[in-house]
Protein backbone atom coordinates (compact mmCIF):
# COMPACT_ATOMS: atom_id res chain seq x y z
CA MET A 1 17.63 -77.43 -48.08
CA GLU A 2 14.10 -78.87 -48.24
CA ARG A 3 11.81 -79.45 -45.31
CA THR A 4 8.21 -80.61 -44.93
CA ILE A 5 5.56 -78.47 -43.24
CA SER A 6 3.26 -80.09 -40.68
CA PHE A 7 0.12 -78.04 -39.95
CA MET A 8 -2.16 -79.98 -37.63
CA ASN A 9 -5.25 -79.41 -35.54
CA GLY A 10 -4.10 -79.78 -31.91
CA GLU A 11 -5.98 -80.97 -28.84
CA GLY A 12 -5.54 -77.67 -27.00
CA SER A 13 -3.93 -78.69 -23.70
CA LEU A 14 -2.96 -75.42 -22.00
CA GLY A 15 -1.25 -77.26 -19.16
CA HIS A 16 0.96 -79.07 -21.66
CA ASN A 17 1.71 -75.91 -23.64
CA THR A 18 2.78 -73.92 -20.57
CA ARG A 19 4.50 -76.94 -19.05
CA ALA A 20 2.30 -76.87 -15.97
CA PHE A 21 3.01 -80.60 -16.09
CA ILE A 22 5.86 -82.50 -17.75
CA ALA A 23 5.14 -85.51 -20.00
CA SER A 24 7.53 -88.48 -20.30
CA ASN A 25 8.76 -87.48 -23.79
CA VAL A 26 9.83 -84.05 -22.52
CA ASP A 27 13.44 -83.36 -21.55
CA ALA A 28 12.89 -81.29 -18.41
CA ASP A 29 16.49 -80.05 -18.52
CA ARG A 30 15.67 -78.26 -21.80
CA THR A 31 12.31 -76.84 -20.76
CA LYS A 32 14.06 -73.59 -19.89
CA ASP A 33 14.81 -73.23 -23.63
CA ASN A 34 11.12 -73.12 -24.55
CA ILE A 35 9.92 -69.81 -26.00
CA THR A 36 6.65 -68.17 -24.96
CA LEU A 37 5.55 -65.68 -27.59
CA VAL A 38 1.97 -65.02 -26.36
CA ASN A 39 0.37 -65.99 -23.06
CA GLU A 40 -2.98 -64.47 -22.02
CA ASN A 41 -5.72 -65.68 -19.67
CA LEU A 42 -8.51 -67.31 -21.67
CA LYS A 43 -11.36 -66.02 -19.49
CA GLN A 44 -10.03 -62.46 -19.71
CA VAL A 45 -9.86 -62.82 -23.48
CA TYR A 46 -13.55 -63.77 -23.51
CA HIS A 47 -14.38 -60.65 -21.52
CA LYS A 48 -12.32 -58.55 -23.95
CA LEU A 49 -13.96 -60.02 -27.06
CA TYR A 50 -17.57 -60.49 -26.02
CA ASP A 51 -18.59 -58.37 -23.01
CA ASP A 52 -19.83 -55.39 -25.05
CA SER A 53 -21.89 -57.58 -27.37
CA LEU A 54 -23.17 -59.63 -24.44
CA LYS A 55 -24.35 -56.46 -22.66
CA LYS A 56 -26.24 -55.29 -25.78
CA TYR A 57 -27.76 -58.73 -26.32
CA ASN A 58 -29.02 -59.03 -22.73
CA ALA A 59 -30.49 -55.53 -22.84
CA LYS A 60 -32.71 -56.59 -25.77
CA GLN A 61 -34.09 -59.65 -24.00
CA LYS A 62 -37.52 -59.11 -22.47
CA ARG A 63 -37.36 -62.37 -20.56
CA LYS A 64 -34.55 -62.85 -18.08
CA GLY A 65 -34.48 -66.55 -18.90
CA ARG A 66 -33.07 -65.73 -22.36
CA GLN A 67 -30.24 -63.64 -21.00
CA ILE A 68 -26.68 -65.03 -20.93
CA LYS A 69 -24.93 -64.49 -17.61
CA ASP A 70 -21.48 -65.74 -18.63
CA TYR A 71 -20.58 -66.27 -22.29
CA TYR A 72 -17.45 -68.26 -21.38
CA GLU A 73 -19.54 -70.75 -19.39
CA LYS A 74 -22.11 -70.97 -22.17
CA ILE A 75 -19.52 -71.87 -24.83
CA SER A 76 -17.79 -74.32 -22.47
CA ARG A 77 -21.07 -76.29 -22.29
CA SER A 78 -21.83 -76.01 -26.02
CA LYS A 79 -21.77 -79.10 -28.27
CA GLN A 80 -21.27 -77.00 -31.42
CA GLU A 81 -18.61 -74.44 -30.49
CA LYS A 82 -15.27 -74.90 -28.73
CA LEU A 83 -13.78 -72.44 -26.25
CA PHE A 84 -10.67 -72.24 -28.42
CA TYR A 85 -8.80 -74.00 -31.21
CA GLU A 86 -5.18 -74.99 -31.63
CA VAL A 87 -2.83 -75.59 -34.53
CA ILE A 88 0.57 -77.23 -34.21
CA VAL A 89 3.16 -76.23 -36.79
CA GLN A 90 6.43 -78.10 -37.31
CA ILE A 91 9.20 -77.66 -39.89
CA GLY A 92 10.86 -80.94 -40.90
CA ASN A 93 11.08 -83.93 -38.57
CA ARG A 94 13.32 -85.36 -35.89
CA ASP A 95 15.63 -86.94 -38.50
CA ASP A 96 16.43 -83.73 -40.40
CA THR A 97 15.50 -80.95 -37.95
CA GLY A 98 16.21 -82.41 -34.54
CA VAL A 99 16.70 -80.08 -31.58
CA GLY A 100 20.32 -78.99 -31.35
CA SER A 101 20.93 -79.00 -35.08
CA GLU A 102 21.51 -75.95 -37.27
CA ALA A 103 18.29 -76.73 -39.14
CA ALA A 104 16.38 -76.67 -35.83
CA ASP A 105 17.74 -73.20 -35.03
CA ILE A 106 16.56 -71.94 -38.43
CA ALA A 107 13.17 -73.64 -37.89
CA VAL A 108 12.75 -71.68 -34.65
CA LYS A 109 13.25 -68.42 -36.53
CA VAL A 110 10.68 -69.49 -39.15
CA LEU A 111 8.14 -70.41 -36.46
CA THR A 112 8.70 -67.14 -34.60
CA ASP A 113 8.12 -65.09 -37.76
CA TYR A 114 5.12 -67.22 -38.65
CA VAL A 115 3.35 -66.53 -35.33
CA GLU A 116 3.69 -62.80 -35.99
CA LEU A 117 2.33 -63.27 -39.55
CA PHE A 118 -0.48 -65.53 -38.29
CA ILE A 119 -1.70 -62.79 -35.92
CA SER A 120 -1.64 -60.09 -38.59
CA ARG A 121 -3.19 -62.27 -41.35
CA ASN A 122 -5.97 -63.69 -39.17
CA PRO A 123 -7.43 -60.76 -37.21
CA GLN A 124 -10.57 -62.74 -36.31
CA LEU A 125 -8.57 -65.63 -34.86
CA TYR A 126 -7.54 -64.04 -31.55
CA VAL A 127 -4.24 -65.62 -30.49
CA PHE A 128 -3.99 -65.87 -26.70
CA GLY A 129 -1.23 -68.48 -26.57
CA ALA A 130 1.84 -69.24 -28.70
CA TYR A 131 4.57 -71.54 -27.38
CA ILE A 132 7.66 -72.93 -29.17
CA HIS A 133 8.76 -76.18 -27.53
CA MET A 134 12.46 -76.95 -27.53
CA ASP A 135 12.37 -79.73 -24.94
CA GLU A 136 11.06 -82.39 -27.33
CA GLU A 137 12.75 -84.01 -30.36
CA THR A 138 11.75 -81.44 -33.00
CA PRO A 139 11.00 -77.72 -32.55
CA HIS A 140 7.29 -76.95 -33.05
CA VAL A 141 4.86 -74.23 -32.10
CA HIS A 142 1.42 -74.50 -30.46
CA ILE A 143 -0.86 -71.62 -31.48
CA ASP A 144 -4.06 -71.29 -29.43
CA PHE A 145 -6.75 -68.94 -30.69
CA VAL A 146 -10.40 -67.93 -30.16
CA PRO A 147 -12.32 -67.50 -33.45
CA PHE A 148 -15.03 -64.83 -33.66
CA SER A 149 -17.36 -63.36 -36.25
CA THR A 150 -18.82 -59.85 -36.25
CA ASP A 151 -22.00 -58.12 -37.45
CA ASN A 152 -24.13 -61.18 -36.71
CA LYS A 153 -27.89 -60.78 -37.10
CA ARG A 154 -28.81 -63.56 -34.66
CA GLY A 155 -27.51 -63.87 -31.15
CA LEU A 156 -24.55 -61.73 -30.14
CA GLU A 157 -23.26 -59.23 -32.69
CA THR A 158 -19.78 -60.60 -31.98
CA LYS A 159 -19.75 -64.29 -31.13
CA ASN A 160 -17.62 -67.42 -31.14
CA SER A 161 -17.61 -68.84 -34.69
CA LEU A 162 -14.80 -70.61 -36.54
CA LYS A 163 -16.80 -70.76 -39.78
CA GLY A 164 -17.55 -67.02 -39.56
CA ALA A 165 -13.93 -66.17 -38.78
CA LEU A 166 -12.61 -68.17 -41.77
CA ALA A 167 -15.35 -66.72 -43.97
CA SER A 168 -13.94 -63.27 -43.20
CA ARG A 169 -10.76 -64.49 -44.95
CA GLY A 170 -12.80 -65.67 -47.94
CA PHE A 171 -12.76 -69.40 -47.18
CA GLU A 172 -16.07 -71.20 -47.71
CA SER A 173 -16.65 -74.94 -47.67
CA GLU A 174 -16.96 -76.72 -51.02
CA GLY A 175 -17.87 -80.03 -49.47
CA LYS A 176 -16.20 -82.65 -47.34
CA GLY A 177 -13.15 -82.85 -49.56
CA ASN A 178 -12.44 -79.14 -49.48
CA THR A 179 -13.72 -77.54 -46.29
CA GLU A 180 -12.96 -74.00 -45.24
CA TRP A 181 -10.47 -75.42 -42.66
CA GLN A 182 -8.61 -77.36 -45.37
CA GLN A 183 -8.51 -74.30 -47.63
CA TRP A 184 -7.27 -72.13 -44.79
CA SER A 185 -4.64 -74.73 -43.75
CA GLU A 186 -3.21 -74.80 -47.27
CA ALA A 187 -3.11 -71.00 -47.37
CA GLU A 188 -1.24 -70.97 -44.04
CA LYS A 189 1.27 -73.49 -45.37
CA GLU A 190 1.89 -71.20 -48.32
CA ASP A 191 2.62 -68.34 -45.87
CA ILE A 192 5.00 -70.58 -43.92
CA ALA A 193 6.76 -71.56 -47.16
CA ILE A 194 7.35 -67.90 -48.00
CA ILE A 195 9.02 -67.37 -44.61
CA MET A 196 11.09 -70.55 -45.08
CA GLU A 197 12.42 -69.27 -48.39
CA LYS A 198 13.67 -66.14 -46.60
CA TYR A 199 15.91 -68.44 -44.55
CA GLY A 200 17.03 -70.57 -47.51
CA ILE A 201 14.61 -73.48 -46.97
CA SER A 202 12.25 -74.74 -49.65
CA TRP A 203 8.99 -76.51 -48.99
CA LYS A 204 9.24 -80.23 -49.62
CA LYS A 205 5.78 -80.93 -51.03
CA LEU A 206 3.94 -82.94 -53.69
CA ASP A 207 4.32 -82.03 -57.39
CA THR A 208 1.30 -80.50 -59.12
CA HIS A 209 -0.42 -82.11 -62.11
CA LYS A 210 0.88 -81.07 -65.59
CA PRO A 211 -1.72 -81.57 -68.37
CA HIS A 212 0.84 -82.08 -71.21
CA LEU A 213 2.38 -85.19 -69.63
CA SER A 214 1.88 -88.54 -71.32
CA VAL A 215 -0.41 -91.06 -69.76
CA LEU A 216 2.57 -93.09 -68.53
CA ASP A 217 4.33 -90.01 -67.18
CA TYR A 218 1.09 -88.87 -65.66
CA LYS A 219 0.61 -92.22 -63.92
CA LYS A 220 4.21 -92.10 -62.71
CA GLN A 221 3.64 -88.59 -61.42
CA GLU A 222 0.39 -89.61 -59.75
CA ARG A 223 2.12 -92.59 -58.16
CA SER A 224 4.94 -90.30 -57.04
CA ARG A 225 2.37 -87.81 -55.76
CA GLU A 226 0.59 -90.56 -53.86
CA VAL A 227 3.90 -91.71 -52.36
CA LYS A 228 4.80 -88.19 -51.31
CA GLU A 229 1.29 -87.65 -50.04
CA LEU A 230 1.62 -90.84 -48.03
CA GLU A 231 4.98 -89.67 -46.76
CA GLN A 232 3.37 -86.37 -45.75
CA GLU A 233 0.56 -88.24 -44.03
CA LEU A 234 3.10 -90.43 -42.27
CA GLU A 235 4.98 -87.30 -41.25
CA ASP A 236 1.83 -85.80 -39.82
CA ILE A 237 0.85 -89.10 -38.24
CA GLY A 238 4.29 -89.29 -36.64
CA VAL A 239 3.79 -85.89 -35.09
CA VAL A 240 0.29 -86.87 -34.01
CA ILE A 241 1.62 -90.07 -32.48
CA GLU A 242 4.22 -88.09 -30.61
CA LEU A 243 1.49 -85.82 -29.28
CA LYS A 244 -0.72 -88.82 -28.46
CA GLU A 245 2.13 -90.49 -26.62
CA GLU A 246 2.80 -87.24 -24.84
CA ARG A 247 -0.87 -86.93 -23.87
CA GLU A 248 -0.96 -90.59 -22.76
CA ALA A 249 2.15 -90.05 -20.64
CA ARG A 250 0.59 -86.93 -19.17
CA LEU A 251 -2.60 -88.82 -18.35
CA ASN A 252 -0.60 -91.64 -16.78
CA ARG A 253 1.30 -89.11 -14.69
CA GLU A 254 -1.98 -87.53 -13.66
CA ILE A 255 -3.45 -90.94 -12.78
CA ASN A 256 -0.35 -91.88 -10.76
CA LYS A 257 -0.45 -88.49 -9.08
CA GLN A 258 -4.13 -88.92 -8.23
CA GLU A 259 -3.52 -92.48 -6.98
CA LEU A 260 -0.73 -91.21 -4.72
CA GLN A 261 -2.93 -88.36 -3.55
CA LEU A 262 -5.80 -90.80 -2.96
CA LYS A 263 -3.49 -93.06 -0.95
CA LYS A 264 -2.25 -90.06 1.01
CA ASN A 265 -5.83 -88.89 1.60
CA ARG A 266 -6.82 -92.40 2.75
CA GLU A 267 -3.88 -92.51 5.19
CA GLU A 268 -4.77 -89.04 6.45
CA ALA A 269 -8.41 -90.11 6.81
CA GLU A 270 -7.42 -93.23 8.76
CA LYS A 271 -5.14 -91.15 10.95
CA THR A 272 -7.91 -88.60 11.50
CA LEU A 273 -10.40 -91.40 12.29
CA SER A 274 -7.97 -92.82 14.83
CA ILE A 275 -7.61 -89.41 16.46
CA ILE A 276 -11.41 -89.00 16.49
CA ASP A 277 -11.83 -92.42 18.16
CA TYR A 278 -9.22 -91.47 20.77
CA LEU A 279 -10.87 -88.12 21.43
CA LYS A 280 -14.26 -89.83 21.61
CA GLU A 281 -13.03 -92.28 24.25
CA LYS A 282 -11.33 -89.45 26.11
CA ALA A 283 -14.51 -87.38 26.00
CA LEU A 284 -16.53 -90.32 27.37
CA ASP A 285 -14.05 -90.82 30.23
CA GLU A 286 -14.04 -87.10 31.01
CA GLY A 287 -17.84 -87.13 30.90
CA LYS A 288 -17.94 -89.90 33.49
CA GLU A 289 -15.46 -88.06 35.71
CA GLN A 290 -17.47 -84.87 35.36
CA GLU A 291 -20.63 -86.76 36.30
CA LYS A 292 -18.92 -87.95 39.49
CA ARG A 293 -17.73 -84.42 40.27
CA ASN A 294 -21.26 -83.14 39.70
CA LYS A 295 -22.60 -85.64 42.22
CA TYR A 296 -19.98 -84.52 44.76
CA LEU A 297 -20.82 -80.89 44.06
CA ILE A 298 -24.52 -81.58 44.59
CA ALA A 299 -23.74 -83.25 47.92
CA ASP A 300 -21.41 -80.40 48.91
CA ASN A 301 -24.04 -77.90 47.92
CA GLN A 302 -26.63 -79.60 50.10
CA GLU A 303 -24.21 -79.63 53.02
CA LEU A 304 -23.49 -75.95 52.46
CA GLU A 305 -27.19 -75.17 52.41
CA ASP A 306 -27.57 -77.00 55.74
CA VAL A 307 -24.69 -74.98 57.22
CA ILE A 308 -26.28 -71.75 55.97
CA THR A 309 -29.59 -72.77 57.55
CA ASP A 310 -27.83 -73.47 60.87
CA LYS A 311 -26.06 -70.12 60.71
CA LYS A 312 -29.33 -68.37 60.02
CA GLU A 313 -30.88 -70.05 63.09
CA GLN A 314 -27.85 -69.10 65.22
CA LEU A 315 -28.10 -65.53 64.00
CA ALA A 316 -31.78 -65.42 64.91
CA ASP A 317 -30.97 -66.75 68.40
CA LEU A 318 -28.16 -64.20 68.70
CA GLN A 319 -30.46 -61.36 67.68
CA ALA A 320 -33.03 -62.48 70.29
CA ALA A 321 -30.32 -62.73 72.95
CA LEU A 322 -29.05 -59.30 72.00
CA ALA A 323 -32.54 -57.87 72.35
CA ARG A 324 -32.86 -59.44 75.83
CA ALA A 325 -29.42 -58.07 76.78
CA HIS A 326 -30.50 -54.59 75.68
CA THR A 327 -33.54 -54.89 77.92
CA VAL A 328 -31.40 -56.00 80.91
CA PHE A 329 -28.92 -53.19 80.33
CA ASP A 330 -31.66 -50.62 80.00
CA LYS A 331 -33.24 -51.76 83.29
CA ALA A 332 -29.84 -51.88 85.00
CA ASP A 333 -29.10 -48.33 83.78
CA GLU A 334 -32.41 -47.11 85.18
CA GLU A 335 -31.81 -48.74 88.61
CA LEU A 336 -28.22 -47.50 88.69
CA ASN A 337 -29.26 -43.95 87.89
CA ARG A 338 -32.02 -44.10 90.48
CA ALA A 339 -29.58 -45.41 93.11
CA ARG A 340 -27.11 -42.64 92.29
CA GLU A 341 -29.85 -40.05 92.62
CA GLU A 342 -30.95 -41.44 96.01
CA LEU A 343 -27.32 -41.55 97.21
CA ALA A 344 -26.84 -37.96 96.16
CA GLU A 345 -29.99 -36.96 98.06
CA VAL A 346 -28.82 -38.84 101.16
CA ARG A 347 -25.39 -37.18 101.05
CA LYS A 348 -27.00 -33.83 100.61
CA LEU A 349 -29.37 -34.43 103.53
CA ARG A 350 -26.53 -35.71 105.68
CA SER A 351 -24.51 -32.59 105.01
CA GLU A 352 -27.48 -30.39 105.89
CA LEU A 353 -28.17 -32.28 109.09
CA ILE A 354 -24.56 -32.14 110.22
CA ALA A 355 -24.53 -28.45 109.59
CA GLN A 356 -27.72 -27.94 111.64
CA VAL A 357 -27.32 -30.29 114.68
CA ASP A 358 -23.72 -31.22 115.02
CA GLY A 359 -23.30 -34.05 117.62
CA ASP A 360 -27.02 -34.54 118.15
CA TYR A 361 -28.12 -38.05 119.18
CA TYR A 362 -30.91 -38.00 116.66
CA LEU A 363 -28.42 -37.21 113.97
CA LYS A 364 -26.33 -40.21 114.94
CA GLU A 365 -29.31 -42.45 114.67
CA GLU A 366 -30.11 -40.95 111.30
CA VAL A 367 -26.55 -41.41 110.13
CA ILE A 368 -26.64 -45.05 111.18
CA ARG A 369 -29.86 -45.51 109.26
CA LEU A 370 -28.42 -43.85 106.18
CA ARG A 371 -25.30 -46.00 106.40
CA TYR A 372 -27.53 -49.02 106.51
CA GLU A 373 -29.44 -47.88 103.44
CA ASN A 374 -26.16 -47.01 101.75
CA GLN A 375 -24.91 -50.53 102.46
CA ASN A 376 -28.09 -51.95 100.97
CA LEU A 377 -27.57 -49.80 97.88
CA LYS A 378 -24.01 -51.10 97.60
CA GLU A 379 -25.27 -54.68 97.76
CA GLU A 380 -27.83 -53.92 95.08
CA ASN A 381 -25.07 -52.36 92.99
CA GLU A 382 -22.94 -55.50 93.42
CA GLY A 383 -25.87 -57.65 92.30
CA LEU A 384 -26.38 -55.47 89.23
CA ARG A 385 -22.65 -55.64 88.49
CA GLU A 386 -22.72 -59.45 88.60
CA LYS A 387 -25.63 -59.45 86.18
CA LEU A 388 -23.74 -57.11 83.88
CA GLU A 389 -20.63 -59.29 84.00
CA LYS A 390 -22.70 -62.35 83.12
CA ALA A 391 -24.29 -60.44 80.25
CA TYR A 392 -20.81 -59.35 79.09
CA GLU A 393 -19.55 -62.94 79.16
CA PHE A 394 -22.64 -64.04 77.22
CA MET A 395 -22.14 -61.40 74.54
CA LYS A 396 -18.42 -62.17 74.13
CA LYS A 397 -19.32 -65.62 72.82
CA PHE A 398 -21.07 -64.28 69.73
CA VAL A 399 -19.18 -62.66 66.85
CA ILE A 400 -20.82 -60.70 63.99
CA GLU A 401 -18.79 -59.34 61.07
CA GLY A 402 -15.51 -59.83 62.90
CA LYS A 403 -16.68 -58.14 66.17
CA SER A 404 -18.22 -59.59 69.32
CA VAL A 405 -21.70 -58.52 70.40
CA LEU A 406 -20.10 -56.97 73.55
CA ASP A 407 -17.86 -54.70 71.43
CA LYS A 408 -20.81 -53.62 69.35
CA PHE A 409 -22.83 -52.95 72.54
CA LEU A 410 -20.03 -50.88 74.09
CA GLU A 411 -19.82 -48.84 70.89
CA TRP A 412 -23.55 -48.27 71.14
CA ILE A 413 -23.24 -47.16 74.83
CA GLY A 414 -20.45 -44.76 73.79
CA GLU A 415 -22.68 -43.24 71.13
CA LYS A 416 -25.48 -42.80 73.70
CA VAL A 417 -23.15 -41.06 76.15
CA ARG A 418 -21.90 -38.70 73.43
CA GLU A 419 -25.49 -37.91 72.47
CA GLY A 420 -26.29 -37.13 76.14
CA ARG A 421 -23.32 -34.77 76.42
CA GLU A 422 -24.29 -32.95 73.27
CA ARG A 423 -27.78 -32.29 74.66
């Protein structure tokens, strides 16, 4: 069984390799059959490969402006180096090694063994991704790798360099027709062919030139070589076209996705704008209502201040009236006490006189006089009582802290009496 070997430089789409998105030429029902052999984070790989060298390099720089903060970011902006490279390897084509065939199953084994050999044979091509796709027409493997060279005299001791990495394998460019990449690619095909032979598959390739052939045979061989070379190119072109179509489909899907997202965002924006307009109108209406309420509050506040002023004036009048009432009560107390003292003296004198001259005419006259004075004192007491009652009625009309002025006055009188008893 003969099969061609396609060894191509890929575009390096990690999203495609890991099936983060599905292109139109992919059978999503078979994606579960894909085989992931290696899958590492590219940024972490950069830290693993270059951090030590980067630290040494920065330590030697006297000017901070020459230091490199992030080597990954630096290479991503470089026009000379690439962050990583990719090769796509395929055994046969869709006509003789289509997915589902026995030949395809053998091809998968060859590709799996080749990835392992690739890693061991190319130590300075760090493989961070290797994916065998079974959801397209022909099994093939994407191998993603970061090339690096060591012991560099300029820049980092270990740095990104495809030329340096291939030079470590002994490949050096001999011109445009035989670059180090072309030499390396042919060497890799030879390795793949060795693995194929282990599984009973020979490499279908061009015949080599034999010096002893006649001119006619040589021309026939050259023509045959050219035909086979063209067939190989067409084989490779077919794979490239498949990948191009796949990439185009992916881009179309991305564009459609972005258009749908843009439409969704526009609808959301219009909806949000509508809500904002509604809230704006509502805020304006509420502002007007609040302005009205503020005016009412100002008016109510003024009215309240007027009431407080009136209450303060009434309290002042009440305090003045209370002071006058205290004066009247004090005077009434003095007159009442004086009248009681005089009455006590009269009663005492009367008792003495009765004891001395019982039945005497003079005593009768004196008793009559005392009765008269006693009657006058009673009348004075009645007058004072009327004044007190009027004062009581006056004080009942005023209330302070839940109590009338009369209650407060009576409490005060009680306190005075208690103080007098204690003395």
